[in-house]
Protein backbone atom coordinates (compact mmCIF):
# COMPACT_ATOMS: atom_id res chain seq x y z
CA MET A 1 83.93 157.74 140.95
CA PRO A 2 84.92 157.78 144.54
CA THR A 3 88.69 156.71 144.78
CA PRO A 4 88.64 153.25 145.70
CA LEU A 5 90.64 152.00 148.39
CA VAL A 6 92.57 148.88 146.62
CA THR A 7 93.86 149.00 142.80
CA VAL A 8 93.95 145.56 141.30
CA ALA A 9 97.30 145.40 138.95
CA MET A 10 96.78 142.81 135.99
CA SER A 11 98.57 142.02 132.70
CA VAL A 12 97.43 139.83 130.45
CA TYR A 13 99.28 138.21 127.39
CA ASN A 14 97.12 135.57 125.49
CA GLY A 15 95.01 134.61 128.34
CA ALA A 16 91.38 134.41 126.56
CA ALA A 17 91.05 130.75 127.68
CA THR A 18 91.42 131.78 131.72
CA VAL A 19 90.96 135.54 132.02
CA GLN A 20 86.76 135.18 132.15
CA ALA A 21 87.13 132.89 135.04
CA ALA A 22 89.42 135.52 137.03
CA LEU A 23 87.65 138.33 136.44
CA ARG A 24 84.24 136.71 137.34
CA SER A 25 86.24 135.65 140.75
CA LEU A 26 87.18 139.37 141.15
CA LEU A 27 83.30 140.05 141.07
CA TRP A 28 82.93 137.83 143.66
CA GLN A 29 84.88 139.92 146.28
CA THR A 30 82.77 140.67 149.33
CA PHE A 31 84.90 143.81 149.82
CA PRO A 32 83.67 146.26 147.29
CA ASP A 33 86.12 149.37 146.93
CA TRP A 34 88.10 147.88 144.14
CA GLU A 35 89.14 149.22 140.85
CA LEU A 36 91.15 146.80 138.27
CA VAL A 37 93.42 147.93 136.13
CA LEU A 38 94.22 145.42 133.53
CA ILE A 39 96.64 145.91 130.65
CA ASN A 40 96.39 143.45 127.64
CA ASP A 41 100.01 143.02 126.70
CA GLY A 42 99.78 143.05 122.87
CA SER A 43 97.87 139.48 122.95
CA ALA A 44 97.59 137.45 119.67
CA ASP A 45 94.48 135.80 120.49
CA SER A 46 91.11 136.34 121.77
CA THR A 47 91.77 138.30 125.23
CA ALA A 48 90.67 141.74 123.69
CA SER A 49 87.07 140.61 122.98
CA VAL A 50 86.82 138.35 126.33
CA VAL A 51 87.63 141.07 128.66
CA ASP A 52 85.62 143.78 126.77
CA GLN A 53 82.45 141.93 127.80
CA PHE A 54 82.63 142.81 131.13
CA HIS A 55 81.10 146.40 132.11
CA ASP A 56 81.48 146.85 135.69
CA PRO A 57 82.81 150.34 136.10
CA ARG A 58 85.13 149.34 138.30
CA ILE A 59 86.96 147.76 135.39
CA ARG A 60 89.58 149.93 133.53
CA VAL A 61 91.14 148.17 130.53
CA ILE A 62 93.90 149.30 128.53
CA HIS A 63 94.45 147.53 124.84
CA ALA A 64 98.33 147.74 124.32
CA SER A 65 99.56 147.28 120.67
CA GLU A 66 103.31 145.77 121.56
CA ARG A 67 104.40 143.53 123.92
CA ARG A 68 106.05 145.04 126.91
CA GLY A 69 106.19 142.54 129.25
CA LEU A 70 104.83 141.52 132.76
CA ALA A 71 107.50 143.72 134.74
CA ALA A 72 106.86 147.25 132.44
CA ARG A 73 103.33 146.58 132.38
CA LEU A 74 102.47 145.96 136.22
CA ASN A 75 105.29 149.49 136.40
CA GLU A 76 102.47 151.23 134.33
CA CYS A 77 99.48 149.79 136.78
CA VAL A 78 101.36 151.30 139.64
CA ASP A 79 101.76 154.41 138.34
CA VAL A 80 97.97 155.01 137.21
CA ALA A 81 96.26 153.16 140.29
CA ARG A 82 94.30 155.20 142.66
CA GLY A 83 93.84 153.02 145.32
CA LYS A 84 95.88 153.28 148.71
CA TYR A 85 96.92 149.58 148.22
CA ILE A 86 97.68 147.32 145.34
CA ALA A 87 96.95 143.73 144.86
CA ARG A 88 98.28 141.48 142.85
CA MET A 89 96.38 138.71 140.45
CA ASP A 90 97.07 137.13 137.47
CA ALA A 91 94.69 136.21 134.52
CA ASP A 92 94.33 132.62 135.15
CA ASP A 93 94.18 132.78 139.34
CA ILE A 94 90.85 132.16 140.81
CA LEU A 95 90.22 134.51 144.55
CA TYR A 96 87.90 133.28 147.46
CA PRO A 97 85.22 135.61 148.01
CA ASP A 98 86.91 137.34 151.17
CA ARG A 99 90.36 137.61 149.99
CA PHE A 100 90.32 141.58 149.56
CA GLN A 101 87.86 141.96 152.80
CA ARG A 102 90.86 140.02 155.16
CA GLN A 103 93.86 141.65 153.53
CA VAL A 104 92.86 144.74 153.70
CA ALA A 105 91.46 144.52 157.49
CA TYR A 106 94.99 142.91 158.26
CA LEU A 107 97.04 145.86 156.67
CA ASP A 108 94.94 148.39 158.16
CA ALA A 109 95.55 146.91 161.66
CA HIS A 110 99.42 146.45 160.84
CA PRO A 111 100.50 149.96 159.66
CA ASP A 112 104.06 148.44 159.34
CA ILE A 113 103.55 146.13 157.33
CA ASP A 114 104.61 146.98 153.74
CA LEU A 115 103.41 143.83 151.58
CA LEU A 116 100.96 140.76 152.34
CA GLY A 117 100.55 137.68 150.75
CA HIS A 118 98.15 134.59 151.92
CA GLY A 119 98.31 131.14 151.48
CA ALA A 120 97.08 129.34 147.90
CA VAL A 121 95.87 126.16 146.73
CA LEU A 122 98.01 125.08 143.63
CA PHE A 123 95.42 123.52 141.13
CA LYS A 124 95.84 122.12 137.24
CA GLY A 125 93.10 121.08 134.55
CA SER A 126 89.79 121.47 135.69
CA GLY A 127 90.17 121.99 139.43
CA GLU A 128 92.34 119.14 140.09
CA VAL A 129 94.46 119.88 143.55
CA VAL A 130 98.06 119.47 143.39
CA GLY A 131 98.65 120.68 146.78
CA VAL A 132 99.39 124.37 148.45
CA TYR A 133 101.72 127.35 148.38
CA PRO A 134 104.22 126.69 151.35
CA ILE A 135 104.11 129.90 153.44
CA SER A 136 105.86 131.38 156.86
CA GLU A 137 103.47 134.02 158.59
CA GLN A 138 106.19 136.68 160.26
CA HIS A 139 108.62 138.73 158.29
CA GLU A 140 111.73 137.12 160.02
CA ASP A 141 110.68 133.54 158.75
CA ILE A 142 109.73 134.71 155.25
CA CYS A 143 113.36 135.81 154.76
CA ARG A 144 115.08 133.13 156.50
CA THR A 145 116.84 131.78 153.34
CA PRO A 146 117.43 134.70 151.46
CA TRP A 147 120.10 133.19 149.09
CA TRP A 148 116.61 130.74 148.03
CA GLY A 149 113.67 132.85 148.03
CA PHE A 150 111.05 133.84 149.86
CA PRO A 151 107.41 132.18 150.06
CA LEU A 152 105.49 134.88 149.16
CA ALA A 153 103.62 134.01 146.10
CA HIS A 154 103.54 136.91 143.74
CA PRO A 155 99.82 136.68 142.43
CA THR A 156 98.61 136.69 146.41
CA TRP A 157 100.52 139.99 147.07
CA MET A 158 98.47 142.98 148.69
CA GLY A 159 100.41 145.91 149.38
CA ARG A 160 101.03 149.99 150.17
CA ARG A 161 101.19 151.90 146.64
CA THR A 162 103.66 154.08 148.34
CA TRP A 163 105.75 151.03 148.81
CA PHE A 164 105.90 149.93 144.96
CA LEU A 165 106.04 153.47 143.91
CA ARG A 166 109.62 153.81 145.47
CA ASN A 167 110.20 149.56 144.65
CA ARG A 168 109.68 149.32 141.00
CA TYR A 169 110.26 146.05 139.11
CA ASP A 170 112.95 145.48 136.74
CA GLN A 171 112.05 145.84 133.51
CA SER A 172 115.23 144.30 132.46
CA LEU A 173 113.92 140.85 133.99
CA ARG A 174 111.71 138.13 131.70
CA LYS A 175 111.05 135.90 134.36
CA GLY A 176 111.34 135.88 138.34
CA GLN A 177 110.59 139.87 138.42
CA ASP A 178 108.72 139.25 141.98
CA GLN A 179 111.44 137.28 143.78
CA GLU A 180 114.11 139.85 142.64
CA LEU A 181 112.50 142.82 143.82
CA LEU A 182 111.98 140.72 147.40
CA LEU A 183 115.43 139.97 147.48
CA ARG A 184 116.24 143.70 146.58
CA THR A 185 114.05 145.41 149.64
CA TRP A 186 113.75 142.67 152.47
CA GLN A 187 115.93 144.40 154.21
CA GLN A 188 114.17 147.64 154.50
CA SER A 189 110.55 146.55 154.13
CA ARG A 190 108.32 144.63 156.22
CA PHE A 191 106.62 141.41 154.92
CA ALA A 192 103.72 139.22 156.14
CA VAL A 193 101.41 136.47 154.99
CA LEU A 194 98.33 135.61 156.28
CA PRO A 195 97.85 131.32 156.93
CA LEU A 196 94.76 131.26 155.12
CA CYS A 197 94.21 129.92 151.41
CA LEU A 198 92.72 132.68 149.70
CA MET A 199 93.21 131.92 146.30
CA GLY A 200 93.56 128.93 143.04
CA TYR A 201 97.28 129.41 141.75
CA ARG A 202 97.35 127.81 138.04
CA VAL A 203 100.19 125.19 137.60
CA ASP A 204 99.67 123.16 134.37
CA ARG A 205 102.85 122.85 134.10
CA ILE A 206 106.70 123.12 134.90
CA SER A 207 108.62 125.23 132.53
CA ALA A 208 112.10 124.65 132.64
CA SER A 209 112.70 127.75 130.56
CA LYS A 210 110.55 130.05 132.41
CA SER A 211 112.60 128.61 135.80
CA MET A 212 115.86 129.18 134.23
CA TRP A 213 115.16 132.83 133.47
CA GLY A 214 114.05 133.36 136.92
CA ARG A 215 116.68 131.43 138.71
CA THR A 216 119.27 133.09 136.55
CA ALA A 217 117.78 136.46 137.53
CA TYR A 218 117.81 135.85 140.65
CA CYS A 219 120.99 134.41 141.14
CA ARG A 220 122.44 137.76 139.43
CA ARG A 221 120.95 140.19 142.11
CA LEU A 222 122.38 137.94 144.74
CA LEU A 223 126.10 138.24 143.14
CA LEU A 224 125.42 142.42 143.17
CA GLN A 225 124.47 142.35 146.67
CA ALA A 226 127.28 140.10 147.33
CA ASN A 227 129.60 142.80 149.41
CA ASP A 228 130.62 141.15 152.61
CA MET A 229 131.06 137.62 153.76
CA THR A 230 127.78 137.09 154.82
CA SER A 231 126.06 138.18 151.20
CA ILE A 232 128.98 136.28 149.45
CA GLY A 233 128.24 132.70 151.20
CA TRP A 234 124.51 133.77 150.45
CA ALA A 235 125.30 134.02 146.59
CA LEU A 236 127.35 131.01 146.29
CA ARG A 237 124.81 128.49 148.20
CA GLY A 238 121.95 130.18 146.16
CA ILE A 239 123.89 129.40 142.39
CA ALA A 240 124.03 125.97 144.15
CA VAL A 241 120.58 125.61 145.25
CA HIS A 242 119.09 127.41 142.07
CA ALA A 243 120.96 125.15 139.59
CA ALA A 244 119.91 122.11 141.69
CA GLY A 245 116.33 123.18 141.60
CA LEU A 246 116.80 123.93 137.51
CA MET A 247 117.92 120.19 136.77
CA ARG A 248 114.81 119.11 138.74
CA ASP A 249 112.73 121.61 136.75
CA MET A 250 113.99 120.33 133.75
CA PHE A 251 113.27 116.70 134.78
CA LEU A 252 109.76 117.53 135.80
CA ASP A 253 109.17 119.65 132.26
CA ALA A 254 110.66 116.74 129.90
CA THR A 255 108.15 114.65 132.01
CA GLY A 256 105.15 116.69 132.38
CA ILE A 257 104.34 115.77 135.71
CA VAL A 258 103.16 117.89 138.44
CA SER A 259 102.42 116.92 141.54
CA HIS A 260 103.16 117.65 145.23
CA GLY A 261 105.26 114.19 145.11
CA ALA A 262 107.41 115.45 142.24
CA ARG A 263 107.54 119.02 143.28
CA GLN A 264 108.34 118.79 147.27
CA SER A 265 108.42 122.33 147.82
CA PHE A 266 104.37 121.93 147.42
CA MET A 267 102.60 121.12 150.57
CA SER A 268 100.00 118.78 151.02
CA ALA A 269 95.95 120.15 150.95
CA ASP A 270 94.19 118.72 154.18
CA GLN A 271 90.81 117.88 153.18
CA LEU A 272 89.36 121.23 154.44
CA VAL A 273 91.54 123.13 152.39
CA SER A 274 90.47 120.63 149.42
CA GLU A 275 86.75 120.90 150.44
CA GLN A 276 87.18 124.89 150.89
CA TRP A 277 88.73 125.10 147.05
CA GLN A 278 85.99 122.94 145.42
CA ALA A 279 83.30 125.05 146.36
CA VAL A 280 84.85 127.77 144.83
CA TRP A 281 85.66 125.87 141.80
CA LYS A 282 81.96 124.74 141.82
CA ARG A 283 81.03 128.44 141.77
CA VAL A 284 83.90 128.87 139.07
CA SER A 285 82.00 126.11 136.83
CA LEU A 286 78.68 127.49 137.41
CA ASP A 287 79.33 130.54 136.21
CA ARG A 288 80.89 129.26 133.07
CA ALA A 289 77.90 127.41 132.03
């Protein structure tokens, strides 16, 4: 097979209920020059049988007998990737057809950019729109509040493989590996975000346990990087805001509320965004029928 331009990195654990729709949306891409490296991370459900139904030669499936976690598996994906660019995708995401085409065009035109994201519609259940993931387009705006985090959603990433080889995911972390990586690299890298919704990002519920592990990892990295008055101030401010954020997430987890109003970091979706998403969701539903 010819060398693809884009390698999609996906680690799946017990994703049988959603991975079929995710892979079908990958096959929709108007940009055909990609490969998928999918690692089945020791799933205990029927993930293996679902993904093995796809026979597209661009899909490379690795079935692992034990679970190692997202960070380790993504590092493995990068190691075996053949593409110039690495694109992230999770097993419950739904891609818009032009995602790769738009990101590749931008990265080709901007060789100074290491990592490129895009907007995403947040949805739950059977396609109900919750909101839109907040974005900032330029590096300086993305990195404006390092004590809080970076508006650069992990499943939207596409970046140069050379960058991922230099900057590995921390395999000791259970959650929050993406934001920790951004915090560790933002001062030596260049990020950007396309102001377009090019993905549906599933948020069926807010998990306080996941939030706790992610926020703890982030605050730990802030403390490790605290070596002058500015970074010490960031660490103290970050601990305060993430503690408050965790209390909010515990409330949302306990009540089961996932909405734009409850999670104020979500932006509201306008009519055009909602209509575009509904067209994508309708196609997903028809493919399942």
